[in-house]
Amino acid sequence: QVQLVESGGGLVQPGGSLRLSCAASGITFSINAGDWYRQAPGKERELVARISSGGSTYYADSVKGRFTLSRDKSRNTLYLQMNSLQPEDTAVYYCHALASWGKGTLVTVSS
């Protein structure tokens, strides 16, 4: 059974950066594709970034140019580098891959 564990969330000031990680276990093959979603208080979960098995990426307009999704197949890990963070980026960030969800990691952007 696939398990996804996110880490790297925390409190950061506006303009700051964080790198989220999503480590997969319980599989004998490499993760090639996956997504990062986020859910802000009182809002629906939304897709933030996606990487396909071919390596192409998609970003929501709200994060384009600031966030970068990458993968390390050798570590079975997806990353989300988040720069120039703003208060509106505050949310629980979830990893999604292989039809499974992680439990999320909280990102709070506040001065």
N, C-alpha and C. Protein backbone atom coordinates (compact mmCIF):
# COMPACT_ATOMS: atom_id res chain seq x y z
N GLN A 1 0.83 -1.17 0.00
CA GLN A 1 0.00 0.00 0.00
C GLN A 1 0.88 1.25 0.00
N VAL A 2 0.55 2.16 -0.88
CA VAL A 2 1.34 3.39 -0.99
C VAL A 2 1.09 4.29 0.21
N GLN A 3 2.17 4.83 0.74
CA GLN A 3 2.06 5.84 1.79
C GLN A 3 2.83 7.08 1.34
N LEU A 4 2.18 8.22 1.48
CA LEU A 4 2.80 9.48 1.14
C LEU A 4 2.90 10.33 2.40
N VAL A 5 4.08 10.84 2.69
CA VAL A 5 4.29 11.64 3.88
C VAL A 5 4.90 12.98 3.47
N GLU A 6 4.14 14.05 3.74
CA GLU A 6 4.64 15.39 3.45
C GLU A 6 5.42 15.94 4.63
N SER A 7 6.36 16.81 4.34
CA SER A 7 7.11 17.51 5.38
C SER A 7 7.60 18.84 4.81
N GLY A 8 8.08 19.69 5.71
CA GLY A 8 8.67 20.95 5.27
C GLY A 8 7.80 22.18 5.49
N GLY A 9 6.59 21.98 5.96
CA GLY A 9 5.74 23.12 6.23
C GLY A 9 6.19 23.88 7.46
N GLY A 10 5.57 25.03 7.67
CA GLY A 10 5.91 25.82 8.84
C GLY A 10 5.45 27.26 8.68
N LEU A 11 5.95 28.09 9.57
CA LEU A 11 5.63 29.51 9.57
C LEU A 11 6.75 30.27 8.86
N VAL A 12 6.38 31.12 7.94
CA VAL A 12 7.37 31.90 7.20
C VAL A 12 6.82 33.30 6.98
N GLN A 13 7.69 34.27 6.92
CA GLN A 13 7.27 35.64 6.69
C GLN A 13 6.98 35.87 5.20
N PRO A 14 6.15 36.82 4.90
CA PRO A 14 5.91 37.15 3.48
C PRO A 14 7.22 37.43 2.75
N GLY A 15 7.32 36.88 1.55
CA GLY A 15 8.55 36.99 0.78
C GLY A 15 9.53 35.86 1.01
N GLY A 16 9.25 35.04 1.98
CA GLY A 16 10.14 33.94 2.32
C GLY A 16 9.94 32.71 1.44
N SER A 17 10.70 31.67 1.76
CA SER A 17 10.67 30.44 0.97
C SER A 17 10.55 29.22 1.87
N LEU A 18 9.98 28.18 1.31
CA LEU A 18 9.91 26.88 1.94
C LEU A 18 10.05 25.82 0.86
N ARG A 19 10.55 24.66 1.24
CA ARG A 19 10.56 23.52 0.33
C ARG A 19 9.81 22.38 0.99
N LEU A 20 8.74 21.96 0.35
CA LEU A 20 7.97 20.83 0.82
C LEU A 20 8.49 19.55 0.18
N SER A 21 8.42 18.47 0.94
CA SER A 21 8.80 17.16 0.43
C SER A 21 7.64 16.20 0.58
N CYS A 22 7.56 15.25 -0.34
CA CYS A 22 6.56 14.20 -0.28
C CYS A 22 7.28 12.89 -0.53
N ALA A 23 7.45 12.11 0.52
CA ALA A 23 8.17 10.85 0.42
C ALA A 23 7.18 9.69 0.30
N ALA A 24 7.42 8.86 -0.68
CA ALA A 24 6.55 7.71 -0.92
C ALA A 24 7.21 6.43 -0.42
N SER A 25 6.41 5.58 0.18
CA SER A 25 6.89 4.28 0.63
C SER A 25 5.83 3.23 0.32
N GLY A 26 6.23 1.98 0.47
CA GLY A 26 5.29 0.89 0.23
C GLY A 26 5.16 0.51 -1.22
N ILE A 27 6.10 1.00 -2.05
CA ILE A 27 6.08 0.66 -3.46
C ILE A 27 7.46 0.19 -3.89
N THR A 28 7.48 -0.60 -4.96
CA THR A 28 8.76 -1.13 -5.43
C THR A 28 9.19 -0.48 -6.74
N PHE A 29 8.52 0.60 -7.11
CA PHE A 29 8.86 1.30 -8.33
C PHE A 29 8.95 2.79 -8.02
N SER A 30 9.44 3.55 -8.96
CA SER A 30 9.64 4.98 -8.74
C SER A 30 8.37 5.76 -9.06
N ILE A 31 8.18 6.81 -8.30
CA ILE A 31 7.10 7.74 -8.63
C ILE A 31 7.53 8.57 -9.82
N ASN A 32 6.73 8.58 -10.85
CA ASN A 32 7.04 9.39 -12.02
C ASN A 32 6.17 10.64 -12.13
N ALA A 33 4.98 10.56 -11.59
CA ALA A 33 4.04 11.67 -11.72
C ALA A 33 3.38 11.93 -10.38
N GLY A 34 2.94 13.16 -10.19
CA GLY A 34 2.25 13.49 -8.95
C GLY A 34 1.84 14.94 -8.92
N ASP A 35 1.08 15.26 -7.90
CA ASP A 35 0.52 16.60 -7.77
C ASP A 35 0.73 17.14 -6.37
N TRP A 36 0.70 18.44 -6.28
CA TRP A 36 0.56 19.12 -5.00
C TRP A 36 -0.75 19.91 -5.05
N TYR A 37 -1.55 19.73 -4.02
CA TYR A 37 -2.78 20.48 -3.83
C TYR A 37 -2.64 21.30 -2.55
N ARG A 38 -3.54 22.24 -2.38
CA ARG A 38 -3.61 22.97 -1.11
C ARG A 38 -5.05 23.30 -0.79
N GLN A 39 -5.29 23.43 0.50
CA GLN A 39 -6.62 23.80 0.97
C GLN A 39 -6.48 24.86 2.04
N ALA A 40 -6.96 26.04 1.73
CA ALA A 40 -6.94 27.15 2.68
C ALA A 40 -8.19 27.07 3.55
N PRO A 41 -8.15 27.69 4.73
CA PRO A 41 -9.32 27.68 5.61
C PRO A 41 -10.57 28.19 4.91
N GLY A 42 -11.63 27.40 4.97
CA GLY A 42 -12.89 27.82 4.38
C GLY A 42 -12.98 27.71 2.88
N LYS A 43 -11.94 27.14 2.26
CA LYS A 43 -11.94 27.03 0.81
C LYS A 43 -11.81 25.57 0.37
N GLU A 44 -12.11 25.32 -0.90
CA GLU A 44 -11.97 23.97 -1.43
C GLU A 44 -10.51 23.68 -1.76
N ARG A 45 -10.20 22.39 -1.79
CA ARG A 45 -8.87 21.97 -2.17
C ARG A 45 -8.64 22.32 -3.63
N GLU A 46 -7.47 22.85 -3.93
CA GLU A 46 -7.16 23.25 -5.29
C GLU A 46 -5.82 22.69 -5.73
N LEU A 47 -5.72 22.43 -7.02
CA LEU A 47 -4.47 21.94 -7.60
C LEU A 47 -3.48 23.10 -7.69
N VAL A 48 -2.29 22.86 -7.19
CA VAL A 48 -1.24 23.87 -7.22
C VAL A 48 -0.23 23.58 -8.33
N ALA A 49 0.21 22.33 -8.40
CA ALA A 49 1.24 21.97 -9.38
C ALA A 49 1.14 20.49 -9.70
N ARG A 50 1.58 20.14 -10.90
CA ARG A 50 1.51 18.75 -11.35
C ARG A 50 2.74 18.46 -12.21
N ILE A 51 3.25 17.24 -12.04
CA ILE A 51 4.31 16.77 -12.93
C ILE A 51 3.86 15.47 -13.54
N SER A 52 4.05 15.35 -14.85
CA SER A 52 3.64 14.13 -15.56
C SER A 52 4.78 13.13 -15.58
N SER A 53 4.47 11.93 -16.03
CA SER A 53 5.50 10.90 -16.11
C SER A 53 6.60 11.29 -17.09
N GLY A 54 6.26 12.12 -18.06
CA GLY A 54 7.25 12.58 -19.02
C GLY A 54 8.06 13.76 -18.54
N GLY A 55 7.67 14.28 -17.37
CA GLY A 55 8.43 15.38 -16.80
C GLY A 55 7.86 16.76 -17.05
N SER A 56 6.79 16.84 -17.82
CA SER A 56 6.19 18.16 -18.04
C SER A 56 5.45 18.60 -16.79
N THR A 57 5.39 19.89 -16.59
CA THR A 57 4.79 20.44 -15.38
C THR A 57 3.66 21.40 -15.70
N TYR A 58 2.77 21.51 -14.74
CA TYR A 58 1.66 22.46 -14.80
C TYR A 58 1.62 23.19 -13.47
N TYR A 59 1.34 24.50 -13.55
CA TYR A 59 1.22 25.29 -12.34
C TYR A 59 -0.05 26.13 -12.41
N ALA A 60 -0.71 26.26 -11.28
CA ALA A 60 -1.83 27.18 -11.19
C ALA A 60 -1.32 28.60 -11.43
N ASP A 61 -2.15 29.41 -12.01
CA ASP A 61 -1.74 30.79 -12.31
C ASP A 61 -1.27 31.52 -11.06
N SER A 62 -1.88 31.21 -9.94
CA SER A 62 -1.57 31.92 -8.70
C SER A 62 -0.17 31.66 -8.18
N VAL A 63 0.47 30.57 -8.66
CA VAL A 63 1.80 30.23 -8.15
C VAL A 63 2.85 30.22 -9.25
N LYS A 64 2.44 30.39 -10.49
CA LYS A 64 3.36 30.33 -11.62
C LYS A 64 4.48 31.34 -11.45
N GLY A 65 5.70 30.88 -11.65
CA GLY A 65 6.85 31.76 -11.49
C GLY A 65 7.41 31.81 -10.08
N ARG A 66 6.65 31.28 -9.12
CA ARG A 66 7.09 31.30 -7.73
C ARG A 66 7.34 29.90 -7.18
N PHE A 67 6.57 28.93 -7.63
CA PHE A 67 6.67 27.56 -7.15
C PHE A 67 7.29 26.68 -8.23
N THR A 68 8.06 25.69 -7.79
CA THR A 68 8.65 24.72 -8.70
C THR A 68 8.48 23.32 -8.14
N LEU A 69 7.88 22.46 -8.94
CA LEU A 69 7.71 21.06 -8.57
C LEU A 69 8.82 20.25 -9.21
N SER A 70 9.43 19.38 -8.43
CA SER A 70 10.46 18.51 -8.98
C SER A 70 10.34 17.13 -8.35
N ARG A 71 11.07 16.18 -8.86
CA ARG A 71 11.03 14.82 -8.34
C ARG A 71 12.43 14.26 -8.27
N ASP A 72 12.64 13.37 -7.32
CA ASP A 72 13.87 12.63 -7.20
C ASP A 72 13.48 11.15 -7.21
N LYS A 73 13.62 10.52 -8.36
CA LYS A 73 13.18 9.14 -8.48
C LYS A 73 13.98 8.22 -7.56
N SER A 74 15.25 8.52 -7.36
CA SER A 74 16.08 7.65 -6.53
C SER A 74 15.63 7.66 -5.07
N ARG A 75 15.02 8.77 -4.66
CA ARG A 75 14.52 8.89 -3.29
C ARG A 75 13.02 8.70 -3.20
N ASN A 76 12.37 8.49 -4.36
CA ASN A 76 10.91 8.37 -4.41
C ASN A 76 10.24 9.55 -3.71
N THR A 77 10.70 10.72 -4.06
CA THR A 77 10.24 11.93 -3.39
C THR A 77 9.89 13.01 -4.41
N LEU A 78 8.77 13.68 -4.12
CA LEU A 78 8.39 14.87 -4.88
C LEU A 78 8.68 16.09 -4.00
N TYR A 79 9.07 17.17 -4.63
CA TYR A 79 9.36 18.40 -3.91
C TYR A 79 8.52 19.54 -4.47
N LEU A 80 8.25 20.51 -3.61
CA LEU A 80 7.62 21.74 -4.05
C LEU A 80 8.42 22.89 -3.44
N GLN A 81 9.21 23.54 -4.28
CA GLN A 81 9.96 24.71 -3.84
C GLN A 81 9.04 25.92 -3.97
N MET A 82 8.86 26.63 -2.88
CA MET A 82 7.94 27.77 -2.85
C MET A 82 8.72 29.02 -2.48
N ASN A 83 8.76 29.96 -3.40
CA ASN A 83 9.46 31.23 -3.18
C ASN A 83 8.48 32.39 -3.19
N SER A 84 8.92 33.51 -2.69
CA SER A 84 8.09 34.73 -2.66
C SER A 84 6.72 34.44 -2.08
N LEU A 85 6.70 33.74 -0.97
CA LEU A 85 5.43 33.36 -0.36
C LEU A 85 4.65 34.57 0.13
N GLN A 86 3.34 34.47 -0.01
CA GLN A 86 2.44 35.54 0.39
C GLN A 86 1.39 34.99 1.35
N PRO A 87 0.75 35.85 2.12
CA PRO A 87 -0.27 35.36 3.07
C PRO A 87 -1.35 34.50 2.40
N GLU A 88 -1.67 34.78 1.15
CA GLU A 88 -2.70 33.99 0.47
C GLU A 88 -2.23 32.58 0.13
N ASP A 89 -0.95 32.29 0.34
CA ASP A 89 -0.45 30.94 0.15
C ASP A 89 -0.65 30.08 1.40
N THR A 90 -1.12 30.68 2.46
CA THR A 90 -1.38 29.93 3.69
C THR A 90 -2.42 28.85 3.44
N ALA A 91 -2.06 27.61 3.76
CA ALA A 91 -2.95 26.48 3.50
C ALA A 91 -2.28 25.21 4.00
N VAL A 92 -3.07 24.15 4.02
CA VAL A 92 -2.51 22.81 4.19
C VAL A 92 -2.19 22.30 2.80
N TYR A 93 -0.96 21.85 2.61
CA TYR A 93 -0.51 21.38 1.32
C TYR A 93 -0.49 19.85 1.32
N TYR A 94 -1.10 19.28 0.30
CA TYR A 94 -1.23 17.83 0.19
C TYR A 94 -0.50 17.32 -1.05
N CYS A 95 0.12 16.17 -0.89
CA CYS A 95 0.72 15.45 -1.99
C CYS A 95 -0.27 14.40 -2.49
N HIS A 96 -0.31 14.23 -3.80
CA HIS A 96 -1.20 13.24 -4.40
C HIS A 96 -0.43 12.51 -5.49
N ALA A 97 -0.38 11.19 -5.36
CA ALA A 97 0.30 10.36 -6.36
C ALA A 97 -0.20 8.93 -6.24
N LEU A 98 -0.22 8.23 -7.38
CA LEU A 98 -0.61 6.82 -7.37
C LEU A 98 -1.95 6.62 -6.67
N ALA A 99 -2.88 7.52 -6.93
CA ALA A 99 -4.23 7.45 -6.38
C ALA A 99 -4.26 7.51 -4.86
N SER A 100 -3.23 8.05 -4.26
CA SER A 100 -3.15 8.16 -2.81
C SER A 100 -2.88 9.61 -2.40
N TRP A 101 -3.28 9.91 -1.16
CA TRP A 101 -3.08 11.24 -0.61
C TRP A 101 -2.25 11.16 0.65
N GLY A 102 -1.40 12.19 0.83
CA GLY A 102 -0.76 12.32 2.12
C GLY A 102 -1.69 13.02 3.09
N LYS A 103 -1.23 13.18 4.31
CA LYS A 103 -2.07 13.81 5.33
C LYS A 103 -1.94 15.33 5.35
N GLY A 104 -0.96 15.83 4.64
CA GLY A 104 -0.82 17.27 4.50
C GLY A 104 0.20 17.87 5.45
N THR A 105 0.69 19.04 5.06
CA THR A 105 1.61 19.81 5.89
C THR A 105 1.17 21.27 5.83
N LEU A 106 1.14 21.91 6.99
CA LEU A 106 0.60 23.26 7.10
C LEU A 106 1.67 24.30 6.76
N VAL A 107 1.32 25.20 5.89
CA VAL A 107 2.16 26.35 5.56
C VAL A 107 1.43 27.60 5.99
N THR A 108 2.07 28.39 6.83
CA THR A 108 1.49 29.64 7.29
C THR A 108 2.43 30.78 6.92
N VAL A 109 1.90 31.74 6.17
CA VAL A 109 2.69 32.89 5.76
C VAL A 109 2.15 34.11 6.48
N SER A 110 2.94 34.63 7.40
CA SER A 110 2.47 35.73 8.23
C SER A 110 3.65 36.47 8.80
N SER A 111 3.46 37.77 9.01
CA SER A 111 4.50 38.56 9.66
C SER A 111 4.24 38.64 11.15
